[in-house]
Amino acid sequence: MVSRWEADGTATFARRLGRSAAELGESGGTTTCPDIWELSNGDVAVIGRDLTATYVGQLPAGVSVGDDERLVVIPRSVIIAAKSDIPDA
């Protein structure tokens, strides 16, 4: 039996992946910015805009968002800046 992945709420923020939104000019001068962080257990936390309601009816076949999940969107520049920090395997 395959076990379902569960988020570990005890993991802590270990390191930012990429550069901050402020460094990339994506912050609009605020401290509430999109971001990507590796957690102490190796999982990844993404801070972005919750667009679950916008996209839930447009998801490709075989893709769904669970009741305890949210679809978040981040700027392209944030994920590109993180690419070098994300291992290939």
PDB file of N, CA and C in Angstrom:
ATOM      1  N   MET A   1       0.836  -1.187   0.000  1.00  0.00           N
ATOM      2  CA  MET A   1       0.000   0.000   0.000  1.00  0.00           C
ATOM      3  C   MET A   1       0.881   1.251   0.000  1.00  0.00           C
ATOM      4  N   VAL A   2       0.564   2.213  -0.832  1.00  0.00           N
ATOM      5  CA  VAL A   2       1.305   3.462  -0.917  1.00  0.00           C
ATOM      6  C   VAL A   2       0.747   4.427   0.124  1.00  0.00           C
ATOM      7  N   SER A   3       1.637   4.980   0.938  1.00  0.00           N
ATOM      8  CA  SER A   3       1.155   5.926   1.951  1.00  0.00           C
ATOM      9  C   SER A   3       1.064   7.325   1.358  1.00  0.00           C
ATOM     10  N   ARG A   4       0.116   8.079   1.842  1.00  0.00           N
ATOM     11  CA  ARG A   4      -0.103   9.445   1.388  1.00  0.00           C
ATOM     12  C   ARG A   4       0.897  10.361   2.070  1.00  0.00           C
ATOM     13  N   TRP A   5       1.492  11.255   1.314  1.00  0.00           N
ATOM     14  CA  TRP A   5       2.413  12.236   1.878  1.00  0.00           C
ATOM     15  C   TRP A   5       1.650  13.175   2.809  1.00  0.00           C
ATOM     16  N   GLU A   6       2.251  13.482   3.924  1.00  0.00           N
ATOM     17  CA  GLU A   6       1.679  14.436   4.873  1.00  0.00           C
ATOM     18  C   GLU A   6       2.717  15.498   5.188  1.00  0.00           C
ATOM     19  N   ALA A   7       2.299  16.730   5.252  1.00  0.00           N
ATOM     20  CA  ALA A   7       3.192  17.825   5.616  1.00  0.00           C
ATOM     21  C   ALA A   7       3.553  17.707   7.095  1.00  0.00           C
ATOM     22  N   ASP A   8       4.799  18.023   7.411  1.00  0.00           N
ATOM     23  CA  ASP A   8       5.296  17.968   8.788  1.00  0.00           C
ATOM     24  C   ASP A   8       5.351  19.378   9.358  1.00  0.00           C
ATOM     25  N   GLY A   9       4.391  19.717  10.170  1.00  0.00           N
ATOM     26  CA  GLY A   9       4.310  21.051  10.752  1.00  0.00           C
ATOM     27  C   GLY A   9       5.390  21.366  11.763  1.00  0.00           C
ATOM     28  N   THR A  10       6.228  20.385  12.098  1.00  0.00           N
ATOM     29  CA  THR A  10       7.324  20.650  13.035  1.00  0.00           C
ATOM     30  C   THR A  10       8.612  21.030  12.321  1.00  0.00           C
ATOM     31  N   ALA A  11       8.652  20.871  10.988  1.00  0.00           N
ATOM     32  CA  ALA A  11       9.845  21.248  10.220  1.00  0.00           C
ATOM     33  C   ALA A  11      10.026  22.770  10.303  1.00  0.00           C
ATOM     34  N   THR A  12      11.273  23.197  10.287  1.00  0.00           N
ATOM     35  CA  THR A  12      11.575  24.631  10.375  1.00  0.00           C
ATOM     36  C   THR A  12      12.149  25.131   9.049  1.00  0.00           C
ATOM     37  N   PHE A  13      12.156  26.441   8.890  1.00  0.00           N
ATOM     38  CA  PHE A  13      12.713  27.053   7.688  1.00  0.00           C
ATOM     39  C   PHE A  13      14.229  26.933   7.732  1.00  0.00           C
ATOM     40  N   ALA A  14      14.818  26.245   6.734  1.00  0.00           N
ATOM     41  CA  ALA A  14      16.256  25.998   6.713  1.00  0.00           C
ATOM     42  C   ALA A  14      17.000  27.003   5.831  1.00  0.00           C
ATOM     43  N   ARG A  15      16.512  27.194   4.588  1.00  0.00           N
ATOM     44  CA  ARG A  15      17.194  28.145   3.702  1.00  0.00           C
ATOM     45  C   ARG A  15      16.278  28.576   2.573  1.00  0.00           C
ATOM     46  N   ARG A  16      16.460  29.806   2.150  1.00  0.00           N
ATOM     47  CA  ARG A  16      15.706  30.331   1.008  1.00  0.00           C
ATOM     48  C   ARG A  16      16.263  29.685  -0.251  1.00  0.00           C
ATOM     49  N   LEU A  17      15.397  29.328  -1.165  1.00  0.00           N
ATOM     50  CA  LEU A  17      15.804  28.845  -2.478  1.00  0.00           C
ATOM     51  C   LEU A  17      15.709  30.035  -3.433  1.00  0.00           C
ATOM     52  N   GLY A  18      16.825  30.411  -4.005  1.00  0.00           N
ATOM     53  CA  GLY A  18      16.849  31.564  -4.898  1.00  0.00           C
ATOM     54  C   GLY A  18      17.094  32.842  -4.137  1.00  0.00           C
ATOM     55  N   ARG A  19      16.535  33.924  -4.653  1.00  0.00           N
ATOM     56  CA  ARG A  19      16.708  35.242  -4.042  1.00  0.00           C
ATOM     57  C   ARG A  19      15.349  35.741  -3.551  1.00  0.00           C
ATOM     58  N   SER A  20      15.397  36.684  -2.655  1.00  0.00           N
ATOM     59  CA  SER A  20      14.147  37.226  -2.114  1.00  0.00           C
ATOM     60  C   SER A  20      13.396  38.000  -3.200  1.00  0.00           C
ATOM     61  N   ALA A  21      12.104  38.117  -3.013  1.00  0.00           N
ATOM     62  CA  ALA A  21      11.283  38.877  -3.954  1.00  0.00           C
ATOM     63  C   ALA A  21      11.728  40.339  -4.005  1.00  0.00           C
ATOM     64  N   ALA A  22      12.190  40.864  -2.884  1.00  0.00           N
ATOM     65  CA  ALA A  22      12.685  42.241  -2.864  1.00  0.00           C
ATOM     66  C   ALA A  22      13.903  42.378  -3.776  1.00  0.00           C
ATOM     67  N   GLU A  23      14.816  41.409  -3.711  1.00  0.00           N
ATOM     68  CA  GLU A  23      16.001  41.437  -4.577  1.00  0.00           C
ATOM     69  C   GLU A  23      15.629  41.345  -6.053  1.00  0.00           C
ATOM     70  N   LEU A  24      14.532  40.668  -6.343  1.00  0.00           N
ATOM     71  CA  LEU A  24      14.089  40.474  -7.724  1.00  0.00           C
ATOM     72  C   LEU A  24      13.144  41.571  -8.209  1.00  0.00           C
ATOM     73  N   GLY A  25      12.818  42.526  -7.342  1.00  0.00           N
ATOM     74  CA  GLY A  25      11.907  43.596  -7.724  1.00  0.00           C
ATOM     75  C   GLY A  25      10.456  43.167  -7.775  1.00  0.00           C
ATOM     76  N   GLU A  26      10.099  42.100  -7.054  1.00  0.00           N
ATOM     77  CA  GLU A  26       8.738  41.556  -7.067  1.00  0.00           C
ATOM     78  C   GLU A  26       7.969  41.850  -5.780  1.00  0.00           C
ATOM     79  N   SER A  27       8.544  42.656  -4.890  1.00  0.00           N
ATOM     80  CA  SER A  27       7.920  42.852  -3.578  1.00  0.00           C
ATOM     81  C   SER A  27       6.978  44.045  -3.514  1.00  0.00           C
ATOM     82  N   GLY A  28       7.079  44.946  -4.454  1.00  0.00           N
ATOM     83  CA  GLY A  28       6.246  46.144  -4.402  1.00  0.00           C
ATOM     84  C   GLY A  28       6.531  46.983  -3.173  1.00  0.00           C
ATOM     85  N   GLY A  29       7.734  46.814  -2.605  1.00  0.00           N
ATOM     86  CA  GLY A  29       8.121  47.593  -1.432  1.00  0.00           C
ATOM     87  C   GLY A  29       7.502  47.124  -0.137  1.00  0.00           C
ATOM     88  N   THR A  30       6.893  45.929  -0.132  1.00  0.00           N
ATOM     89  CA  THR A  30       6.279  45.414   1.089  1.00  0.00           C
ATOM     90  C   THR A  30       7.088  44.238   1.627  1.00  0.00           C
ATOM     91  N   THR A  31       6.751  43.784   2.817  1.00  0.00           N
ATOM     92  CA  THR A  31       7.416  42.611   3.387  1.00  0.00           C
ATOM     93  C   THR A  31       6.613  41.340   3.150  1.00  0.00           C
ATOM     94  N   THR A  32       5.429  41.450   2.560  1.00  0.00           N
ATOM     95  CA  THR A  32       4.626  40.268   2.236  1.00  0.00           C
ATOM     96  C   THR A  32       4.895  39.924   0.778  1.00  0.00           C
ATOM     97  N   CYS A  33       5.786  38.970   0.557  1.00  0.00           N
ATOM     98  CA  CYS A  33       6.288  38.686  -0.784  1.00  0.00           C
ATOM     99  C   CYS A  33       6.256  37.204  -1.104  1.00  0.00           C
ATOM    100  N   PRO A  34       6.190  36.870  -2.392  1.00  0.00           N
ATOM    101  CA  PRO A  34       6.319  35.475  -2.780  1.00  0.00           C
ATOM    102  C   PRO A  34       7.714  34.971  -2.438  1.00  0.00           C
ATOM    103  N   ASP A  35       7.803  33.706  -2.060  1.00  0.00           N
ATOM    104  CA  ASP A  35       9.092  33.162  -1.638  1.00  0.00           C
ATOM    105  C   ASP A  35       9.059  31.646  -1.718  1.00  0.00           C
ATOM    106  N   ILE A  36      10.257  31.040  -1.757  1.00  0.00           N
ATOM    107  CA  ILE A  36      10.406  29.586  -1.766  1.00  0.00           C
ATOM    108  C   ILE A  36      11.457  29.229  -0.726  1.00  0.00           C
ATOM    109  N   TRP A  37      11.116  28.298   0.173  1.00  0.00           N
ATOM    110  CA  TRP A  37      12.029  27.900   1.254  1.00  0.00           C
ATOM    111  C   TRP A  37      12.146  26.392   1.348  1.00  0.00           C
ATOM    112  N   GLU A  38      13.364  25.929   1.563  1.00  0.00           N
ATOM    113  CA  GLU A  38      13.580  24.526   1.898  1.00  0.00           C
ATOM    114  C   GLU A  38      13.411  24.401   3.405  1.00  0.00           C
ATOM    115  N   LEU A  39      12.674  23.369   3.823  1.00  0.00           N
ATOM    116  CA  LEU A  39      12.450  23.137   5.240  1.00  0.00           C
ATOM    117  C   LEU A  39      13.498  22.176   5.786  1.00  0.00           C
ATOM    118  N   SER A  40      13.589  22.094   7.089  1.00  0.00           N
ATOM    119  CA  SER A  40      14.607  21.265   7.742  1.00  0.00           C
ATOM    120  C   SER A  40      14.501  19.788   7.390  1.00  0.00           C
ATOM    121  N   ASN A  41      13.333  19.341   6.945  1.00  0.00           N
ATOM    122  CA  ASN A  41      13.165  17.933   6.565  1.00  0.00           C
ATOM    123  C   ASN A  41      13.315  17.710   5.059  1.00  0.00           C
ATOM    124  N   GLY A  42      13.685  18.762   4.326  1.00  0.00           N
ATOM    125  CA  GLY A  42      13.871  18.654   2.881  1.00  0.00           C
ATOM    126  C   GLY A  42      12.656  19.030   2.061  1.00  0.00           C
ATOM    127  N   ASP A  43      11.486  19.143   2.670  1.00  0.00           N
ATOM    128  CA  ASP A  43      10.299  19.584   1.949  1.00  0.00           C
ATOM    129  C   ASP A  43      10.466  21.059   1.573  1.00  0.00           C
ATOM    130  N   VAL A  44       9.574  21.561   0.743  1.00  0.00           N
ATOM    131  CA  VAL A  44       9.671  22.931   0.255  1.00  0.00           C
ATOM    132  C   VAL A  44       8.378  23.679   0.585  1.00  0.00           C
ATOM    133  N   ALA A  45       8.518  24.890   1.114  1.00  0.00           N
ATOM    134  CA  ALA A  45       7.373  25.768   1.388  1.00  0.00           C
ATOM    135  C   ALA A  45       7.365  26.881   0.338  1.00  0.00           C
ATOM    136  N   VAL A  46       6.185  27.136  -0.222  1.00  0.00           N
ATOM    137  CA  VAL A  46       6.032  28.180  -1.232  1.00  0.00           C
ATOM    138  C   VAL A  46       5.036  29.206  -0.709  1.00  0.00           C
ATOM    139  N   ILE A  47       5.442  30.460  -0.749  1.00  0.00           N
ATOM    140  CA  ILE A  47       4.551  31.558  -0.371  1.00  0.00           C
ATOM    141  C   ILE A  47       4.138  32.256  -1.657  1.00  0.00           C
ATOM    142  N   GLY A  48       2.847  32.280  -1.924  1.00  0.00           N
ATOM    143  CA  GLY A  48       2.355  32.903  -3.149  1.00  0.00           C
ATOM    144  C   GLY A  48       0.904  33.302  -2.984  1.00  0.00           C
ATOM    145  N   ARG A  49       0.322  33.755  -4.063  1.00  0.00           N
ATOM    146  CA  ARG A  49      -1.088  34.153  -4.043  1.00  0.00           C
ATOM    147  C   ARG A  49      -1.961  32.919  -4.168  1.00  0.00           C
ATOM    148  N   ASP A  50      -2.952  32.815  -3.297  1.00  0.00           N
ATOM    149  CA  ASP A  50      -3.896  31.699  -3.326  1.00  0.00           C
ATOM    150  C   ASP A  50      -4.886  31.929  -4.462  1.00  0.00           C
ATOM    151  N   LEU A  51      -4.729  31.162  -5.540  1.00  0.00           N
ATOM    152  CA  LEU A  51      -5.639  31.263  -6.680  1.00  0.00           C
ATOM    153  C   LEU A  51      -6.408  29.959  -6.887  1.00  0.00           C
ATOM    154  N   THR A  52      -6.609  29.233  -5.798  1.00  0.00           N
ATOM    155  CA  THR A  52      -7.319  27.959  -5.869  1.00  0.00           C
ATOM    156  C   THR A  52      -8.684  28.130  -6.534  1.00  0.00           C
ATOM    157  N   ALA A  53      -9.460  29.074  -6.068  1.00  0.00           N
ATOM    158  CA  ALA A  53     -10.813  29.262  -6.601  1.00  0.00           C
ATOM    159  C   ALA A  53     -10.788  29.640  -8.077  1.00  0.00           C
ATOM    160  N   THR A  54      -9.767  30.363  -8.493  1.00  0.00           N
ATOM    161  CA  THR A  54      -9.659  30.787  -9.890  1.00  0.00           C
ATOM    162  C   THR A  54      -9.362  29.616 -10.819  1.00  0.00           C
ATOM    163  N   TYR A  55      -8.470  28.720 -10.383  1.00  0.00           N
ATOM    164  CA  TYR A  55      -7.992  27.660 -11.265  1.00  0.00           C
ATOM    165  C   TYR A  55      -8.643  26.294 -11.067  1.00  0.00           C
ATOM    166  N   VAL A  56      -9.371  26.073  -9.980  1.00  0.00           N
ATOM    167  CA  VAL A  56      -9.890  24.727  -9.694  1.00  0.00           C
ATOM    168  C   VAL A  56     -10.758  24.176 -10.829  1.00  0.00           C
ATOM    169  N   GLY A  57     -11.484  25.003 -11.515  1.00  0.00           N
ATOM    170  CA  GLY A  57     -12.333  24.551 -12.619  1.00  0.00           C
ATOM    171  C   GLY A  57     -11.595  24.403 -13.937  1.00  0.00           C
ATOM    172  N   GLN A  58     -10.302  24.768 -13.956  1.00  0.00           N
ATOM    173  CA  GLN A  58      -9.521  24.735 -15.189  1.00  0.00           C
ATOM    174  C   GLN A  58      -8.375  23.721 -15.138  1.00  0.00           C
ATOM    175  N   LEU A  59      -8.323  22.908 -14.099  1.00  0.00           N
ATOM    176  CA  LEU A  59      -7.207  21.988 -13.923  1.00  0.00           C
ATOM    177  C   LEU A  59      -7.178  20.929 -15.016  1.00  0.00           C
ATOM    178  N   PRO A  60      -5.975  20.541 -15.464  1.00  0.00           N
ATOM    179  CA  PRO A  60      -5.861  19.482 -16.466  1.00  0.00           C
ATOM    180  C   PRO A  60      -6.404  18.161 -15.929  1.00  0.00           C
ATOM    181  N   ALA A  61      -6.720  17.255 -16.821  1.00  0.00           N
ATOM    182  CA  ALA A  61      -7.204  15.928 -16.435  1.00  0.00           C
ATOM    183  C   ALA A  61      -6.200  15.262 -15.499  1.00  0.00           C
ATOM    184  N   GLY A  62      -6.701  14.641 -14.447  1.00  0.00           N
ATOM    185  CA  GLY A  62      -5.854  13.935 -13.500  1.00  0.00           C
ATOM    186  C   GLY A  62      -5.238  14.814 -12.426  1.00  0.00           C
ATOM    187  N   VAL A  63      -5.529  16.102 -12.452  1.00  0.00           N
ATOM    188  CA  VAL A  63      -4.995  17.032 -11.444  1.00  0.00           C
ATOM    189  C   VAL A  63      -6.148  17.519 -10.575  1.00  0.00           C
ATOM    190  N   SER A  64      -5.932  17.524  -9.267  1.00  0.00           N
ATOM    191  CA  SER A  64      -6.967  18.022  -8.359  1.00  0.00           C
ATOM    192  C   SER A  64      -6.305  18.713  -7.180  1.00  0.00           C
ATOM    193  N   VAL A  65      -7.073  19.531  -6.510  1.00  0.00           N
ATOM    194  CA  VAL A  65      -6.621  20.222  -5.307  1.00  0.00           C
ATOM    195  C   VAL A  65      -7.474  19.698  -4.160  1.00  0.00           C
ATOM    196  N   GLY A  66      -6.824  19.055  -3.174  1.00  0.00           N
ATOM    197  CA  GLY A  66      -7.552  18.504  -2.039  1.00  0.00           C
ATOM    198  C   GLY A  66      -8.139  19.583  -1.151  1.00  0.00           C
ATOM    199  N   ASP A  67      -9.078  19.188  -0.314  1.00  0.00           N
ATOM    200  CA  ASP A  67      -9.719  20.134   0.595  1.00  0.00           C
ATOM    201  C   ASP A  67      -8.713  20.813   1.524  1.00  0.00           C
ATOM    202  N   ASP A  68      -7.607  20.116   1.822  1.00  0.00           N
ATOM    203  CA  ASP A  68      -6.599  20.683   2.718  1.00  0.00           C
ATOM    204  C   ASP A  68      -5.407  21.263   1.949  1.00  0.00           C
ATOM    205  N   GLU A  69      -5.590  21.520   0.643  1.00  0.00           N
ATOM    206  CA  GLU A  69      -4.525  22.067  -0.199  1.00  0.00           C
ATOM    207  C   GLU A  69      -4.959  23.383  -0.826  1.00  0.00           C
ATOM    208  N   ARG A  70      -3.963  24.159  -1.284  1.00  0.00           N
ATOM    209  CA  ARG A  70      -4.218  25.408  -1.989  1.00  0.00           C
ATOM    210  C   ARG A  70      -3.307  25.474  -3.199  1.00  0.00           C
ATOM    211  N   LEU A  71      -3.800  26.005  -4.297  1.00  0.00           N
ATOM    212  CA  LEU A  71      -2.995  26.245  -5.480  1.00  0.00           C
ATOM    213  C   LEU A  71      -2.467  27.670  -5.347  1.00  0.00           C
ATOM    214  N   VAL A  72      -1.156  27.808  -5.263  1.00  0.00           N
ATOM    215  CA  VAL A  72      -0.567  29.144  -5.143  1.00  0.00           C
ATOM    216  C   VAL A  72       0.229  29.469  -6.391  1.00  0.00           C
ATOM    217  N   VAL A  73       0.275  30.736  -6.721  1.00  0.00           N
ATOM    218  CA  VAL A  73       0.998  31.219  -7.888  1.00  0.00           C
ATOM    219  C   VAL A  73       2.099  32.155  -7.413  1.00  0.00           C
ATOM    220  N   ILE A  74       3.297  31.970  -7.997  1.00  0.00           N
ATOM    221  CA  ILE A  74       4.433  32.841  -7.701  1.00  0.00           C
ATOM    222  C   ILE A  74       4.954  33.412  -9.013  1.00  0.00           C
ATOM    223  N   PRO A  75       5.660  34.529  -8.966  1.00  0.00           N
ATOM    224  CA  PRO A  75       6.216  35.093 -10.198  1.00  0.00           C
ATOM    225  C   PRO A  75       7.251  34.162 -10.832  1.00  0.00           C
ATOM    226  N   ARG A  76       7.306  34.169 -12.131  1.00  0.00           N
ATOM    227  CA  ARG A  76       8.272  33.356 -12.875  1.00  0.00           C
ATOM    228  C   ARG A  76       9.697  33.658 -12.412  1.00  0.00           C
ATOM    229  N   SER A  77       9.990  34.911 -12.155  1.00  0.00           N
ATOM    230  CA  SER A  77      11.349  35.294 -11.750  1.00  0.00           C
ATOM    231  C   SER A  77      11.767  34.625 -10.447  1.00  0.00           C
ATOM    232  N   VAL A  78      10.824  34.373  -9.545  1.00  0.00           N
ATOM    233  CA  VAL A  78      11.140  33.742  -8.256  1.00  0.00           C
ATOM    234  C   VAL A  78      11.550  32.288  -8.455  1.00  0.00           C
ATOM    235  N   ILE A  79      10.837  31.538  -9.285  1.00  0.00           N
ATOM    236  CA  ILE A  79      11.195  30.134  -9.512  1.00  0.00           C
ATOM    237  C   ILE A  79      12.472  30.025 -10.328  1.00  0.00           C
ATOM    238  N   ILE A  80      12.668  30.905 -11.291  1.00  0.00           N
ATOM    239  CA  ILE A  80      13.909  30.876 -12.073  1.00  0.00           C
ATOM    240  C   ILE A  80      15.116  31.155 -11.178  1.00  0.00           C
ATOM    241  N   ALA A  81      14.978  32.112 -10.266  1.00  0.00           N
ATOM    242  CA  ALA A  81      16.073  32.430  -9.349  1.00  0.00           C
ATOM    243  C   ALA A  81      16.384  31.257  -8.419  1.00  0.00           C
ATOM    244  N   ALA A  82      15.391  30.419  -8.146  1.00  0.00           N
ATOM    245  CA  ALA A  82      15.580  29.269  -7.247  1.00  0.00           C
ATOM    246  C   ALA A  82      16.155  28.053  -7.961  1.00  0.00           C
ATOM    247  N   LYS A  83      16.130  28.041  -9.277  1.00  0.00           N
ATOM    248  CA  LYS A  83      16.535  26.859 -10.047  1.00  0.00           C
ATOM    249  C   LYS A  83      17.907  26.327  -9.645  1.00  0.00           C
ATOM    250  N   SER A  84      18.878  27.193  -9.461  1.00  0.00           N
ATOM    251  CA  SER A  84      20.230  26.725  -9.145  1.00  0.00           C
ATOM    252  C   SER A  84      20.320  26.111  -7.746  1.00  0.00           C
ATOM    253  N   ASP A  85      19.359  26.401  -6.885  1.00  0.00           N
ATOM    254  CA  ASP A  85      19.340  25.850  -5.525  1.00  0.00           C
ATOM    255  C   ASP A  85      18.559  24.547  -5.425  1.00  0.00           C
ATOM    256  N   ILE A  86      17.877  24.147  -6.497  1.00  0.00           N
ATOM    257  CA  ILE A  86      17.052  22.940  -6.487  1.00  0.00           C
ATOM    258  C   ILE A  86      17.839  21.801  -7.134  1.00  0.00           C
ATOM    259  N   PRO A  87      18.094  20.707  -6.386  1.00  0.00           N
ATOM    260  CA  PRO A  87      18.871  19.609  -6.966  1.00  0.00           C
ATOM    261  C   PRO A  87      18.134  18.920  -8.115  1.00  0.00           C
ATOM    262  N   ASP A  88      18.916  18.332  -9.020  1.00  0.00           N
ATOM    263  CA  ASP A  88      18.326  17.608 -10.153  1.00  0.00           C
ATOM    264  C   ASP A  88      17.696  16.302  -9.718  1.00  0.00           C
ATOM    265  N   ALA A  89      18.201  15.704  -8.659  1.00  0.00           N
ATOM    266  CA  ALA A  89      17.631  14.433  -8.208  1.00  0.00           C
ATOM    267  C   ALA A  89      17.612  14.369  -6.703  1.00  0.00           C
TER     268      ALA A  89
END
